[in-house]
Each structure stands twice: as C-alpha cells, then as structure tokens.
mmCIF file of all heavy atoms, coordinates in Angstrom:
data_MODEL
# 
_entry.id   MODEL 
# 
loop_
_atom_site.group_PDB 
_atom_site.id 
_atom_site.type_symbol 
_atom_site.label_atom_id 
_atom_site.label_alt_id 
_atom_site.label_comp_id 
_atom_site.label_asym_id 
_atom_site.label_entity_id 
_atom_site.label_seq_id 
_atom_site.pdbx_PDB_ins_code 
_atom_site.Cartn_x 
_atom_site.Cartn_y 
_atom_site.Cartn_z 
_atom_site.occupancy 
_atom_site.B_iso_or_equiv 
_atom_site.pdbx_formal_charge 
_atom_site.auth_seq_id 
_atom_site.auth_comp_id 
_atom_site.auth_asym_id 
_atom_site.auth_atom_id 
_atom_site.pdbx_PDB_model_num 
ATOM 1   N N   . LEU A 1 1  ? 0.842   -1.195 -0.040  1.00 0.00 ? 1  LEU A N   1 
ATOM 2   C CA  . LEU A 1 1  ? -0.006  -0.027 0.015   1.00 0.00 ? 1  LEU A CA  1 
ATOM 3   C C   . LEU A 1 1  ? 0.892   1.281  0.054   1.00 0.00 ? 1  LEU A C   1 
ATOM 4   O O   . LEU A 1 1  ? 1.914   1.261  0.666   1.00 0.00 ? 1  LEU A O   1 
ATOM 5   C CB  . LEU A 1 1  ? -0.946  0.084  1.255   1.00 0.00 ? 1  LEU A CB  1 
ATOM 6   C CG  . LEU A 1 1  ? -1.993  1.161  1.376   1.00 0.00 ? 1  LEU A CG  1 
ATOM 7   C CD1 . LEU A 1 1  ? -2.908  1.008  0.292   1.00 0.00 ? 1  LEU A CD1 1 
ATOM 8   C CD2 . LEU A 1 1  ? -2.636  1.122  2.693   1.00 0.00 ? 1  LEU A CD2 1 
ATOM 9   N N   . PHE A 1 2  ? 0.577   2.246  -0.752  1.00 0.00 ? 2  PHE A N   1 
ATOM 10  C CA  . PHE A 1 2  ? 1.322   3.409  -0.855  1.00 0.00 ? 2  PHE A CA  1 
ATOM 11  C C   . PHE A 1 2  ? 0.409   4.664  -1.207  1.00 0.00 ? 2  PHE A C   1 
ATOM 12  O O   . PHE A 1 2  ? -0.525  4.445  -1.894  1.00 0.00 ? 2  PHE A O   1 
ATOM 13  C CB  . PHE A 1 2  ? 2.408   3.297  -1.944  1.00 0.00 ? 2  PHE A CB  1 
ATOM 14  C CG  . PHE A 1 2  ? 1.947   2.708  -3.206  1.00 0.00 ? 2  PHE A CG  1 
ATOM 15  C CD1 . PHE A 1 2  ? 1.435   3.514  -4.209  1.00 0.00 ? 2  PHE A CD1 1 
ATOM 16  C CD2 . PHE A 1 2  ? 2.008   1.302  -3.404  1.00 0.00 ? 2  PHE A CD2 1 
ATOM 17  C CE1 . PHE A 1 2  ? 1.028   2.960  -5.478  1.00 0.00 ? 2  PHE A CE1 1 
ATOM 18  C CE2 . PHE A 1 2  ? 1.512   0.819  -4.628  1.00 0.00 ? 2  PHE A CE2 1 
ATOM 19  C CZ  . PHE A 1 2  ? 1.167   1.650  -5.659  1.00 0.00 ? 2  PHE A CZ  1 
ATOM 20  N N   . PRO A 1 3  ? 0.831   5.821  -0.927  1.00 0.00 ? 3  PRO A N   1 
ATOM 21  C CA  . PRO A 1 3  ? -0.006  7.009  -1.329  1.00 0.00 ? 3  PRO A CA  1 
ATOM 22  C C   . PRO A 1 3  ? 0.040   7.325  -2.745  1.00 0.00 ? 3  PRO A C   1 
ATOM 23  O O   . PRO A 1 3  ? 1.022   7.091  -3.492  1.00 0.00 ? 3  PRO A O   1 
ATOM 24  C CB  . PRO A 1 3  ? 0.617   8.245  -0.563  1.00 0.00 ? 3  PRO A CB  1 
ATOM 25  C CG  . PRO A 1 3  ? 2.115   7.698  -0.201  1.00 0.00 ? 3  PRO A CG  1 
ATOM 26  C CD  . PRO A 1 3  ? 2.043   6.231  -0.090  1.00 0.00 ? 3  PRO A CD  1 
ATOM 27  N N   . VAL A 1 4  ? -1.045  7.612  -3.271  1.00 0.00 ? 4  VAL A N   1 
ATOM 28  C CA  . VAL A 1 4  ? -1.123  8.060  -4.680  1.00 0.00 ? 4  VAL A CA  1 
ATOM 29  C C   . VAL A 1 4  ? -1.860  9.412  -4.855  1.00 0.00 ? 4  VAL A C   1 
ATOM 30  O O   . VAL A 1 4  ? -2.711  9.731  -4.027  1.00 0.00 ? 4  VAL A O   1 
ATOM 31  C CB  . VAL A 1 4  ? -1.926  7.016  -5.522  1.00 0.00 ? 4  VAL A CB  1 
ATOM 32  C CG1 . VAL A 1 4  ? -1.185  5.646  -5.417  1.00 0.00 ? 4  VAL A CG1 1 
ATOM 33  C CG2 . VAL A 1 4  ? -3.398  6.882  -5.216  1.00 0.00 ? 4  VAL A CG2 1 
ATOM 34  N N   . ILE A 1 5  ? -1.637  9.949  -6.104  1.00 0.00 ? 5  ILE A N   1 
ATOM 35  C CA  . ILE A 1 5  ? -2.484  11.156 -6.376  1.00 0.00 ? 5  ILE A CA  1 
ATOM 36  C C   . ILE A 1 5  ? -3.276  10.683 -7.557  1.00 0.00 ? 5  ILE A C   1 
ATOM 37  O O   . ILE A 1 5  ? -2.694  10.051 -8.552  1.00 0.00 ? 5  ILE A O   1 
ATOM 38  C CB  . ILE A 1 5  ? -1.635  12.421 -6.770  1.00 0.00 ? 5  ILE A CB  1 
ATOM 39  C CG1 . ILE A 1 5  ? -0.973  13.056 -5.531  1.00 0.00 ? 5  ILE A CG1 1 
ATOM 40  C CG2 . ILE A 1 5  ? -2.437  13.523 -7.509  1.00 0.00 ? 5  ILE A CG2 1 
ATOM 41  C CD1 . ILE A 1 5  ? -0.104  14.178 -5.798  1.00 0.00 ? 5  ILE A CD1 1 
ATOM 42  N N   . ASP A 1 6  ? -4.618  10.883 -7.592  1.00 0.00 ? 6  ASP A N   1 
ATOM 43  C CA  . ASP A 1 6  ? -5.492  10.351 -8.637  1.00 0.00 ? 6  ASP A CA  1 
ATOM 44  C C   . ASP A 1 6  ? -6.015  11.560 -9.481  1.00 0.00 ? 6  ASP A C   1 
ATOM 45  O O   . ASP A 1 6  ? -6.833  12.300 -9.023  1.00 0.00 ? 6  ASP A O   1 
ATOM 46  C CB  . ASP A 1 6  ? -6.638  9.599  -7.935  1.00 0.00 ? 6  ASP A CB  1 
ATOM 47  C CG  . ASP A 1 6  ? -7.516  8.894  -8.947  1.00 0.00 ? 6  ASP A CG  1 
ATOM 48  O OD1 . ASP A 1 6  ? -7.539  9.136  -10.132 1.00 0.00 ? 6  ASP A OD1 1 
ATOM 49  O OD2 . ASP A 1 6  ? -8.292  8.095  -8.448  1.00 0.00 ? 6  ASP A OD2 1 
ATOM 50  N N   . THR A 1 7  ? -5.479  11.602 -10.718 1.00 0.00 ? 7  THR A N   1 
ATOM 51  C CA  . THR A 1 7  ? -5.864  12.638 -11.509 1.00 0.00 ? 7  THR A CA  1 
ATOM 52  C C   . THR A 1 7  ? -7.344  12.554 -11.996 1.00 0.00 ? 7  THR A C   1 
ATOM 53  O O   . THR A 1 7  ? -8.077  13.617 -12.167 1.00 0.00 ? 7  THR A O   1 
ATOM 54  C CB  . THR A 1 7  ? -5.083  12.707 -12.888 1.00 0.00 ? 7  THR A CB  1 
ATOM 55  O OG1 . THR A 1 7  ? -5.055  11.441 -13.474 1.00 0.00 ? 7  THR A OG1 1 
ATOM 56  C CG2 . THR A 1 7  ? -3.577  13.136 -12.505 1.00 0.00 ? 7  THR A CG2 1 
ATOM 57  N N   . LEU A 1 8  ? -7.969  11.358 -11.970 1.00 0.00 ? 8  LEU A N   1 
ATOM 58  C CA  . LEU A 1 8  ? -9.333  11.149 -12.284 1.00 0.00 ? 8  LEU A CA  1 
ATOM 59  C C   . LEU A 1 8  ? -10.223 11.844 -11.079 1.00 0.00 ? 8  LEU A C   1 
ATOM 60  O O   . LEU A 1 8  ? -11.207 12.585 -11.214 1.00 0.00 ? 8  LEU A O   1 
ATOM 61  C CB  . LEU A 1 8  ? -9.733  9.679  -12.471 1.00 0.00 ? 8  LEU A CB  1 
ATOM 62  C CG  . LEU A 1 8  ? -11.103 9.408  -12.724 1.00 0.00 ? 8  LEU A CG  1 
ATOM 63  C CD1 . LEU A 1 8  ? -11.322 8.273  -13.796 1.00 0.00 ? 8  LEU A CD1 1 
ATOM 64  C CD2 . LEU A 1 8  ? -11.982 8.971  -11.604 1.00 0.00 ? 8  LEU A CD2 1 
ATOM 65  N N   . GLU A 1 9  ? -9.782  11.523 -9.863  1.00 0.00 ? 9  GLU A N   1 
ATOM 66  C CA  . GLU A 1 9  ? -10.543 12.027 -8.773  1.00 0.00 ? 9  GLU A CA  1 
ATOM 67  C C   . GLU A 1 9  ? -10.429 13.503 -8.707  1.00 0.00 ? 9  GLU A C   1 
ATOM 68  O O   . GLU A 1 9  ? -11.470 14.216 -8.451  1.00 0.00 ? 9  GLU A O   1 
ATOM 69  C CB  . GLU A 1 9  ? -9.870  11.469 -7.418  1.00 0.00 ? 9  GLU A CB  1 
ATOM 70  C CG  . GLU A 1 9  ? -10.723 12.024 -6.222  1.00 0.00 ? 9  GLU A CG  1 
ATOM 71  C CD  . GLU A 1 9  ? -10.226 11.418 -4.972  1.00 0.00 ? 9  GLU A CD  1 
ATOM 72  O OE1 . GLU A 1 9  ? -8.893  11.441 -4.681  1.00 0.00 ? 9  GLU A OE1 1 
ATOM 73  O OE2 . GLU A 1 9  ? -10.914 11.041 -4.030  1.00 0.00 ? 9  GLU A OE2 1 
ATOM 74  N N   . ILE A 1 10 ? -9.396  14.172 -9.108  1.00 0.00 ? 10 ILE A N   1 
ATOM 75  C CA  . ILE A 1 10 ? -9.231  15.620 -9.147  1.00 0.00 ? 10 ILE A CA  1 
ATOM 76  C C   . ILE A 1 10 ? -10.138 16.233 -10.126 1.00 0.00 ? 10 ILE A C   1 
ATOM 77  O O   . ILE A 1 10 ? -10.838 17.188 -9.752  1.00 0.00 ? 10 ILE A O   1 
ATOM 78  C CB  . ILE A 1 10 ? -7.781  16.011 -9.503  1.00 0.00 ? 10 ILE A CB  1 
ATOM 79  C CG1 . ILE A 1 10 ? -6.818  15.637 -8.381  1.00 0.00 ? 10 ILE A CG1 1 
ATOM 80  C CG2 . ILE A 1 10 ? -7.621  17.452 -9.678  1.00 0.00 ? 10 ILE A CG2 1 
ATOM 81  C CD1 . ILE A 1 10 ? -5.362  15.868 -8.708  1.00 0.00 ? 10 ILE A CD1 1 
ATOM 82  N N   . GLU A 1 11 ? -10.341 15.561 -11.251 1.00 0.00 ? 11 GLU A N   1 
ATOM 83  C CA  . GLU A 1 11 ? -11.314 16.067 -12.170 1.00 0.00 ? 11 GLU A CA  1 
ATOM 84  C C   . GLU A 1 11 ? -12.703 15.919 -11.743 1.00 0.00 ? 11 GLU A C   1 
ATOM 85  O O   . GLU A 1 11 ? -13.637 16.776 -11.927 1.00 0.00 ? 11 GLU A O   1 
ATOM 86  C CB  . GLU A 1 11 ? -11.177 15.230 -13.505 1.00 0.00 ? 11 GLU A CB  1 
ATOM 87  C CG  . GLU A 1 11 ? -10.015 15.673 -14.382 1.00 0.00 ? 11 GLU A CG  1 
ATOM 88  C CD  . GLU A 1 11 ? -10.039 16.998 -14.718 1.00 0.00 ? 11 GLU A CD  1 
ATOM 89  O OE1 . GLU A 1 11 ? -10.821 17.593 -15.570 1.00 0.00 ? 11 GLU A OE1 1 
ATOM 90  O OE2 . GLU A 1 11 ? -9.169  17.870 -14.179 1.00 0.00 ? 11 GLU A OE2 1 
ATOM 91  N N   . SER A 1 12 ? -12.957 14.848 -10.959 1.00 0.00 ? 12 SER A N   1 
ATOM 92  C CA  . SER A 1 12 ? -14.334 14.667 -10.331 1.00 0.00 ? 12 SER A CA  1 
ATOM 93  C C   . SER A 1 12 ? -14.681 15.795 -9.455  1.00 0.00 ? 12 SER A C   1 
ATOM 94  O O   . SER A 1 12 ? -15.822 16.081 -9.168  1.00 0.00 ? 12 SER A O   1 
ATOM 95  C CB  . SER A 1 12 ? -14.390 13.357 -9.655  1.00 0.00 ? 12 SER A CB  1 
ATOM 96  O OG  . SER A 1 12 ? -13.785 13.345 -8.408  1.00 0.00 ? 12 SER A OG  1 
ATOM 97  N N   . TRP A 1 13 ? -13.719 16.445 -8.665  1.00 0.00 ? 13 TRP A N   1 
ATOM 98  C CA  . TRP A 1 13 ? -13.915 17.403 -7.736  1.00 0.00 ? 13 TRP A CA  1 
ATOM 99  C C   . TRP A 1 13 ? -14.646 18.643 -8.521  1.00 0.00 ? 13 TRP A C   1 
ATOM 100 O O   . TRP A 1 13 ? -15.358 19.344 -7.835  1.00 0.00 ? 13 TRP A O   1 
ATOM 101 C CB  . TRP A 1 13 ? -12.699 17.921 -6.988  1.00 0.00 ? 13 TRP A CB  1 
ATOM 102 C CG  . TRP A 1 13 ? -12.067 16.819 -6.166  1.00 0.00 ? 13 TRP A CG  1 
ATOM 103 C CD1 . TRP A 1 13 ? -12.624 15.855 -5.551  1.00 0.00 ? 13 TRP A CD1 1 
ATOM 104 C CD2 . TRP A 1 13 ? -10.753 16.866 -5.667  1.00 0.00 ? 13 TRP A CD2 1 
ATOM 105 N NE1 . TRP A 1 13 ? -11.805 15.083 -4.844  1.00 0.00 ? 13 TRP A NE1 1 
ATOM 106 C CE2 . TRP A 1 13 ? -10.599 15.677 -4.879  1.00 0.00 ? 13 TRP A CE2 1 
ATOM 107 C CE3 . TRP A 1 13 ? -9.558  17.648 -5.916  1.00 0.00 ? 13 TRP A CE3 1 
ATOM 108 C CZ2 . TRP A 1 13 ? -9.401  15.401 -4.337  1.00 0.00 ? 13 TRP A CZ2 1 
ATOM 109 C CZ3 . TRP A 1 13 ? -8.439  17.266 -5.328  1.00 0.00 ? 13 TRP A CZ3 1 
ATOM 110 C CH2 . TRP A 1 13 ? -8.308  16.212 -4.529  1.00 0.00 ? 13 TRP A CH2 1 
ATOM 111 N N   . PHE A 1 14 ? -14.214 18.856 -9.714  1.00 0.00 ? 14 PHE A N   1 
ATOM 112 C CA  . PHE A 1 14 ? -14.697 20.045 -10.394 1.00 0.00 ? 14 PHE A CA  1 
ATOM 113 C C   . PHE A 1 14 ? -15.816 19.708 -11.393 1.00 0.00 ? 14 PHE A C   1 
ATOM 114 O O   . PHE A 1 14 ? -16.587 20.606 -11.783 1.00 0.00 ? 14 PHE A O   1 
ATOM 115 C CB  . PHE A 1 14 ? -13.542 20.709 -11.227 1.00 0.00 ? 14 PHE A CB  1 
ATOM 116 C CG  . PHE A 1 14 ? -12.450 21.132 -10.422 1.00 0.00 ? 14 PHE A CG  1 
ATOM 117 C CD1 . PHE A 1 14 ? -11.372 20.272 -9.997  1.00 0.00 ? 14 PHE A CD1 1 
ATOM 118 C CD2 . PHE A 1 14 ? -12.473 22.349 -9.774  1.00 0.00 ? 14 PHE A CD2 1 
ATOM 119 C CE1 . PHE A 1 14 ? -10.381 20.752 -9.155  1.00 0.00 ? 14 PHE A CE1 1 
ATOM 120 C CE2 . PHE A 1 14 ? -11.491 22.796 -8.890  1.00 0.00 ? 14 PHE A CE2 1 
ATOM 121 C CZ  . PHE A 1 14 ? -10.394 22.087 -8.627  1.00 0.00 ? 14 PHE A CZ  1 
ATOM 122 N N   . HIS A 1 15 ? -15.993 18.374 -11.785 1.00 0.00 ? 15 HIS A N   1 
ATOM 123 C CA  . HIS A 1 15 ? -16.972 18.096 -12.808 1.00 0.00 ? 15 HIS A CA  1 
ATOM 124 C C   . HIS A 1 15 ? -18.032 17.106 -12.439 1.00 0.00 ? 15 HIS A C   1 
ATOM 125 O O   . HIS A 1 15 ? -18.881 16.748 -13.225 1.00 0.00 ? 15 HIS A O   1 
ATOM 126 C CB  . HIS A 1 15 ? -16.238 17.600 -14.058 1.00 0.00 ? 15 HIS A CB  1 
ATOM 127 C CG  . HIS A 1 15 ? -15.450 18.651 -14.726 1.00 0.00 ? 15 HIS A CG  1 
ATOM 128 N ND1 . HIS A 1 15 ? -15.859 19.699 -15.325 1.00 0.00 ? 15 HIS A ND1 1 
ATOM 129 C CD2 . HIS A 1 15 ? -14.063 18.774 -14.765 1.00 0.00 ? 15 HIS A CD2 1 
ATOM 130 C CE1 . HIS A 1 15 ? -14.872 20.458 -15.756 1.00 0.00 ? 15 HIS A CE1 1 
ATOM 131 N NE2 . HIS A 1 15 ? -13.753 19.853 -15.403 1.00 0.00 ? 15 HIS A NE2 1 
ATOM 132 N N   . ARG A 1 16 ? -17.985 16.673 -11.174 1.00 0.00 ? 16 ARG A N   1 
ATOM 133 C CA  . ARG A 1 16 ? -18.924 15.764 -10.690 1.00 0.00 ? 16 ARG A CA  1 
ATOM 134 C C   . ARG A 1 16 ? -19.547 16.093 -9.300  1.00 0.00 ? 16 ARG A C   1 
ATOM 135 O O   . ARG A 1 16 ? -19.864 15.395 -8.421  1.00 0.00 ? 16 ARG A O   1 
ATOM 136 C CB  . ARG A 1 16 ? -18.356 14.309 -10.547 1.00 0.00 ? 16 ARG A CB  1 
ATOM 137 C CG  . ARG A 1 16 ? -17.905 13.652 -11.845 1.00 0.00 ? 16 ARG A CG  1 
ATOM 138 C CD  . ARG A 1 16 ? -19.041 13.356 -12.714 1.00 0.00 ? 16 ARG A CD  1 
ATOM 139 N NE  . ARG A 1 16 ? -18.704 12.819 -14.038 1.00 0.00 ? 16 ARG A NE  1 
ATOM 140 C CZ  . ARG A 1 16 ? -18.573 11.583 -14.252 1.00 0.00 ? 16 ARG A CZ  1 
ATOM 141 N NH1 . ARG A 1 16 ? -18.745 10.612 -13.364 1.00 0.00 ? 16 ARG A NH1 1 
ATOM 142 N NH2 . ARG A 1 16 ? -18.157 11.182 -15.498 1.00 0.00 ? 16 ARG A NH2 1 
ATOM 143 N N   . LYS A 1 17 ? -19.767 17.541 -9.204  1.00 0.00 ? 17 LYS A N   1 
ATOM 144 C CA  . LYS A 1 17 ? -20.301 17.999 -7.992  1.00 0.00 ? 17 LYS A CA  1 
ATOM 145 C C   . LYS A 1 17 ? -21.798 17.642 -7.983  1.00 0.00 ? 17 LYS A C   1 
ATOM 146 O O   . LYS A 1 17 ? -22.419 17.344 -8.998  1.00 0.00 ? 17 LYS A O   1 
ATOM 147 C CB  . LYS A 1 17 ? -20.275 19.555 -8.071  1.00 0.00 ? 17 LYS A CB  1 
ATOM 148 C CG  . LYS A 1 17 ? -18.822 20.142 -8.180  1.00 0.00 ? 17 LYS A CG  1 
ATOM 149 C CD  . LYS A 1 17 ? -18.952 21.580 -8.295  1.00 0.00 ? 17 LYS A CD  1 
ATOM 150 C CE  . LYS A 1 17 ? -17.505 22.244 -8.485  1.00 0.00 ? 17 LYS A CE  1 
ATOM 151 N NZ  . LYS A 1 17 ? -17.572 23.615 -8.810  1.00 0.00 ? 17 LYS A NZ  1 
ATOM 152 N N   . PRO A 1 18 ? -22.414 17.699 -6.745  1.00 0.00 ? 18 PRO A N   1 
ATOM 153 C CA  . PRO A 1 18 ? -23.774 17.356 -6.589  1.00 0.00 ? 18 PRO A CA  1 
ATOM 154 C C   . PRO A 1 18 ? -24.733 18.114 -7.641  1.00 0.00 ? 18 PRO A C   1 
ATOM 155 O O   . PRO A 1 18 ? -25.676 17.556 -8.234  1.00 0.00 ? 18 PRO A O   1 
ATOM 156 C CB  . PRO A 1 18 ? -24.078 17.626 -5.228  1.00 0.00 ? 18 PRO A CB  1 
ATOM 157 C CG  . PRO A 1 18 ? -22.870 17.410 -4.490  1.00 0.00 ? 18 PRO A CG  1 
ATOM 158 C CD  . PRO A 1 18 ? -21.841 17.904 -5.418  1.00 0.00 ? 18 PRO A CD  1 
ATOM 159 N N   . ARG A 1 19 ? -24.443 19.419 -7.859  1.00 0.00 ? 19 ARG A N   1 
ATOM 160 C CA  . ARG A 1 19 ? -25.231 20.238 -8.696  1.00 0.00 ? 19 ARG A CA  1 
ATOM 161 C C   . ARG A 1 19 ? -25.129 19.722 -10.186 1.00 0.00 ? 19 ARG A C   1 
ATOM 162 O O   . ARG A 1 19 ? -26.153 19.798 -10.968 1.00 0.00 ? 19 ARG A O   1 
ATOM 163 C CB  . ARG A 1 19 ? -24.959 21.640 -8.649  1.00 0.00 ? 19 ARG A CB  1 
ATOM 164 C CG  . ARG A 1 19 ? -23.529 21.996 -9.006  1.00 0.00 ? 19 ARG A CG  1 
ATOM 165 C CD  . ARG A 1 19 ? -23.399 23.498 -8.731  1.00 0.00 ? 19 ARG A CD  1 
ATOM 166 N NE  . ARG A 1 19 ? -21.931 24.046 -8.828  1.00 0.00 ? 19 ARG A NE  1 
ATOM 167 C CZ  . ARG A 1 19 ? -21.532 24.455 -10.026 1.00 0.00 ? 19 ARG A CZ  1 
ATOM 168 N NH1 . ARG A 1 19 ? -22.309 24.446 -11.109 1.00 0.00 ? 19 ARG A NH1 1 
ATOM 169 N NH2 . ARG A 1 19 ? -20.295 24.847 -10.105 1.00 0.00 ? 19 ARG A NH2 1 
ATOM 170 N N   . HIS A 1 20 ? -23.959 19.186 -10.512 1.00 0.00 ? 20 HIS A N   1 
ATOM 171 C CA  . HIS A 1 20 ? -23.755 18.781 -11.905 1.00 0.00 ? 20 HIS A CA  1 
ATOM 172 C C   . HIS A 1 20 ? -24.638 17.515 -12.114 1.00 0.00 ? 20 HIS A C   1 
ATOM 173 O O   . HIS A 1 20 ? -25.246 17.282 -13.212 1.00 0.00 ? 20 HIS A O   1 
ATOM 174 C CB  . HIS A 1 20 ? -22.320 18.299 -12.241 1.00 0.00 ? 20 HIS A CB  1 
ATOM 175 C CG  . HIS A 1 20 ? -21.407 19.547 -12.171 1.00 0.00 ? 20 HIS A CG  1 
ATOM 176 N ND1 . HIS A 1 20 ? -20.055 19.498 -11.893 1.00 0.00 ? 20 HIS A ND1 1 
ATOM 177 C CD2 . HIS A 1 20 ? -21.678 20.805 -12.546 1.00 0.00 ? 20 HIS A CD2 1 
ATOM 178 C CE1 . HIS A 1 20 ? -19.545 20.764 -12.066 1.00 0.00 ? 20 HIS A CE1 1 
ATOM 179 N NE2 . HIS A 1 20 ? -20.521 21.537 -12.428 1.00 0.00 ? 20 HIS A NE2 1 
ATOM 180 N N   . LYS A 1 21 ? -24.670 16.516 -11.169 1.00 0.00 ? 21 LYS A N   1 
ATOM 181 C CA  . LYS A 1 21 ? -25.440 15.372 -11.219 1.00 0.00 ? 21 LYS A CA  1 
ATOM 182 C C   . LYS A 1 21 ? -27.020 15.675 -11.282 1.00 0.00 ? 21 LYS A C   1 
ATOM 183 O O   . LYS A 1 21 ? -27.736 15.042 -11.901 1.00 0.00 ? 21 LYS A O   1 
ATOM 184 C CB  . LYS A 1 21 ? -25.143 14.451 -10.014 1.00 0.00 ? 21 LYS A CB  1 
ATOM 185 C CG  . LYS A 1 21 ? -23.655 14.025 -10.078 1.00 0.00 ? 21 LYS A CG  1 
ATOM 186 C CD  . LYS A 1 21 ? -23.373 13.135 -8.825  1.00 0.00 ? 21 LYS A CD  1 
ATOM 187 C CE  . LYS A 1 21 ? -21.989 12.551 -8.853  1.00 0.00 ? 21 LYS A CE  1 
ATOM 188 N NZ  . LYS A 1 21 ? -21.528 11.886 -7.638  1.00 0.00 ? 21 LYS A NZ  1 
ATOM 189 N N   . LEU A 1 22 ? -27.364 16.744 -10.401 1.00 0.00 ? 22 LEU A N   1 
ATOM 190 C CA  . LEU A 1 22 ? -28.813 17.128 -10.423 1.00 0.00 ? 22 LEU A CA  1 
ATOM 191 C C   . LEU A 1 22 ? -29.241 17.710 -11.827 1.00 0.00 ? 22 LEU A C   1 
ATOM 192 O O   . LEU A 1 22 ? -30.240 17.323 -12.332 1.00 0.00 ? 22 LEU A O   1 
ATOM 193 C CB  . LEU A 1 22 ? -28.985 18.201 -9.335  1.00 0.00 ? 22 LEU A CB  1 
ATOM 194 C CG  . LEU A 1 22 ? -30.497 18.775 -9.251  1.00 0.00 ? 22 LEU A CG  1 
ATOM 195 C CD1 . LEU A 1 22 ? -31.400 17.692 -8.931  1.00 0.00 ? 22 LEU A CD1 1 
ATOM 196 C CD2 . LEU A 1 22 ? -30.393 19.984 -8.255  1.00 0.00 ? 22 LEU A CD2 1 
ATOM 197 N N   . TRP A 1 23 ? -28.406 18.586 -12.484 1.00 0.00 ? 23 TRP A N   1 
ATOM 198 C CA  . TRP A 1 23 ? -28.702 19.024 -13.818 1.00 0.00 ? 23 TRP A CA  1 
ATOM 199 C C   . TRP A 1 23 ? -28.670 17.977 -14.745 1.00 0.00 ? 23 TRP A C   1 
ATOM 200 O O   . TRP A 1 23 ? -29.533 17.968 -15.636 1.00 0.00 ? 23 TRP A O   1 
ATOM 201 C CB  . TRP A 1 23 ? -27.623 20.117 -14.201 1.00 0.00 ? 23 TRP A CB  1 
ATOM 202 C CG  . TRP A 1 23 ? -27.642 21.371 -13.403 1.00 0.00 ? 23 TRP A CG  1 
ATOM 203 C CD1 . TRP A 1 23 ? -28.769 21.774 -12.585 1.00 0.00 ? 23 TRP A CD1 1 
ATOM 204 C CD2 . TRP A 1 23 ? -26.545 22.333 -13.282 1.00 0.00 ? 23 TRP A CD2 1 
ATOM 205 N NE1 . TRP A 1 23 ? -28.340 22.982 -11.985 1.00 0.00 ? 23 TRP A NE1 1 
ATOM 206 C CE2 . TRP A 1 23 ? -27.103 23.462 -12.408 1.00 0.00 ? 23 TRP A CE2 1 
ATOM 207 C CE3 . TRP A 1 23 ? -25.296 22.418 -13.823 1.00 0.00 ? 23 TRP A CE3 1 
ATOM 208 C CZ2 . TRP A 1 23 ? -26.273 24.440 -12.162 1.00 0.00 ? 23 TRP A CZ2 1 
ATOM 209 C CZ3 . TRP A 1 23 ? -24.579 23.600 -13.450 1.00 0.00 ? 23 TRP A CZ3 1 
ATOM 210 C CH2 . TRP A 1 23 ? -25.069 24.493 -12.661 1.00 0.00 ? 23 TRP A CH2 1 
ATOM 211 N N   . SER A 1 24 ? -27.803 16.950 -14.716 1.00 0.00 ? 24 SER A N   1 
ATOM 212 C CA  . SER A 1 24 ? -27.857 15.814 -15.540 1.00 0.00 ? 24 SER A CA  1 
ATOM 213 C C   . SER A 1 24 ? -29.162 15.108 -15.475 1.00 0.00 ? 24 SER A C   1 
ATOM 214 O O   . SER A 1 24 ? -29.802 14.739 -16.494 1.00 0.00 ? 24 SER A O   1 
ATOM 215 C CB  . SER A 1 24 ? -26.664 14.916 -15.176 1.00 0.00 ? 24 SER A CB  1 
ATOM 216 O OG  . SER A 1 24 ? -26.765 13.725 -16.070 1.00 0.00 ? 24 SER A OG  1 
ATOM 217 N N   . ARG A 1 25 ? -29.677 14.839 -14.306 1.00 0.00 ? 25 ARG A N   1 
ATOM 218 C CA  . ARG A 1 25 ? -30.907 14.154 -14.180 1.00 0.00 ? 25 ARG A CA  1 
ATOM 219 C C   . ARG A 1 25 ? -32.176 15.016 -14.583 1.00 0.00 ? 25 ARG A C   1 
ATOM 220 O O   . ARG A 1 25 ? -33.100 14.473 -15.326 1.00 0.00 ? 25 ARG A O   1 
ATOM 221 C CB  . ARG A 1 25 ? -31.163 13.733 -12.666 1.00 0.00 ? 25 ARG A CB  1 
ATOM 222 C CG  . ARG A 1 25 ? -30.224 12.671 -12.151 1.00 0.00 ? 25 ARG A CG  1 
ATOM 223 C CD  . ARG A 1 25 ? -30.782 11.999 -10.914 1.00 0.00 ? 25 ARG A CD  1 
ATOM 224 N NE  . ARG A 1 25 ? -30.753 13.053 -9.739  1.00 0.00 ? 25 ARG A NE  1 
ATOM 225 C CZ  . ARG A 1 25 ? -29.879 13.282 -8.944  1.00 0.00 ? 25 ARG A CZ  1 
ATOM 226 N NH1 . ARG A 1 25 ? -28.711 12.576 -9.012  1.00 0.00 ? 25 ARG A NH1 1 
ATOM 227 N NH2 . ARG A 1 25 ? -30.006 14.161 -7.937  1.00 0.00 ? 25 ARG A NH2 1 
ATOM 228 N N   . LEU A 1 26 ? -32.110 16.269 -14.283 1.00 0.00 ? 26 LEU A N   1 
ATOM 229 C CA  . LEU A 1 26 ? -33.240 17.149 -14.566 1.00 0.00 ? 26 LEU A CA  1 
ATOM 230 C C   . LEU A 1 26 ? -33.443 17.446 -16.171 1.00 0.00 ? 26 LEU A C   1 
ATOM 231 O O   . LEU A 1 26 ? -34.428 17.308 -16.716 1.00 0.00 ? 26 LEU A O   1 
ATOM 232 C CB  . LEU A 1 26 ? -33.096 18.456 -13.939 1.00 0.00 ? 26 LEU A CB  1 
ATOM 233 C CG  . LEU A 1 26 ? -33.355 18.477 -12.396 1.00 0.00 ? 26 LEU A CG  1 
ATOM 234 C CD1 . LEU A 1 26 ? -33.023 19.894 -11.823 1.00 0.00 ? 26 LEU A CD1 1 
ATOM 235 C CD2 . LEU A 1 26 ? -34.830 17.956 -12.032 1.00 0.00 ? 26 LEU A CD2 1 
ATOM 236 N N   . PHE A 1 27 ? -32.302 17.580 -16.835 1.00 0.00 ? 27 PHE A N   1 
ATOM 237 C CA  . PHE A 1 27 ? -32.152 17.936 -18.188 1.00 0.00 ? 27 PHE A CA  1 
ATOM 238 C C   . PHE A 1 27 ? -31.819 16.825 -19.128 1.00 0.00 ? 27 PHE A C   1 
ATOM 239 O O   . PHE A 1 27 ? -31.650 17.017 -20.361 1.00 0.00 ? 27 PHE A O   1 
ATOM 240 C CB  . PHE A 1 27 ? -31.369 19.172 -18.416 1.00 0.00 ? 27 PHE A CB  1 
ATOM 241 C CG  . PHE A 1 27 ? -31.829 20.371 -17.714 1.00 0.00 ? 27 PHE A CG  1 
ATOM 242 C CD1 . PHE A 1 27 ? -31.153 20.876 -16.484 1.00 0.00 ? 27 PHE A CD1 1 
ATOM 243 C CD2 . PHE A 1 27 ? -32.989 21.142 -18.053 1.00 0.00 ? 27 PHE A CD2 1 
ATOM 244 C CE1 . PHE A 1 27 ? -31.633 21.902 -15.789 1.00 0.00 ? 27 PHE A CE1 1 
ATOM 245 C CE2 . PHE A 1 27 ? -33.383 22.203 -17.348 1.00 0.00 ? 27 PHE A CE2 1 
ATOM 246 C CZ  . PHE A 1 27 ? -32.766 22.620 -16.189 1.00 0.00 ? 27 PHE A CZ  1 
# 
C-alpha cells in the first residue's frame, strides 16, 4: 500500500459536483 495522487479524482472534484449530477438528471 502506498500514497497516490489520482488525476481522475481531481477532475471529479470540479466536474462531478452534486449540482452537476442534479442538472444531468433534470435535463
């Protein structure tokens, strides 16, 4: 086991916010 930086997770912080998911469902 070792520490990592996950570039996918970093993108999720900016593009998978709860409001993004809500807009996706609504529209």
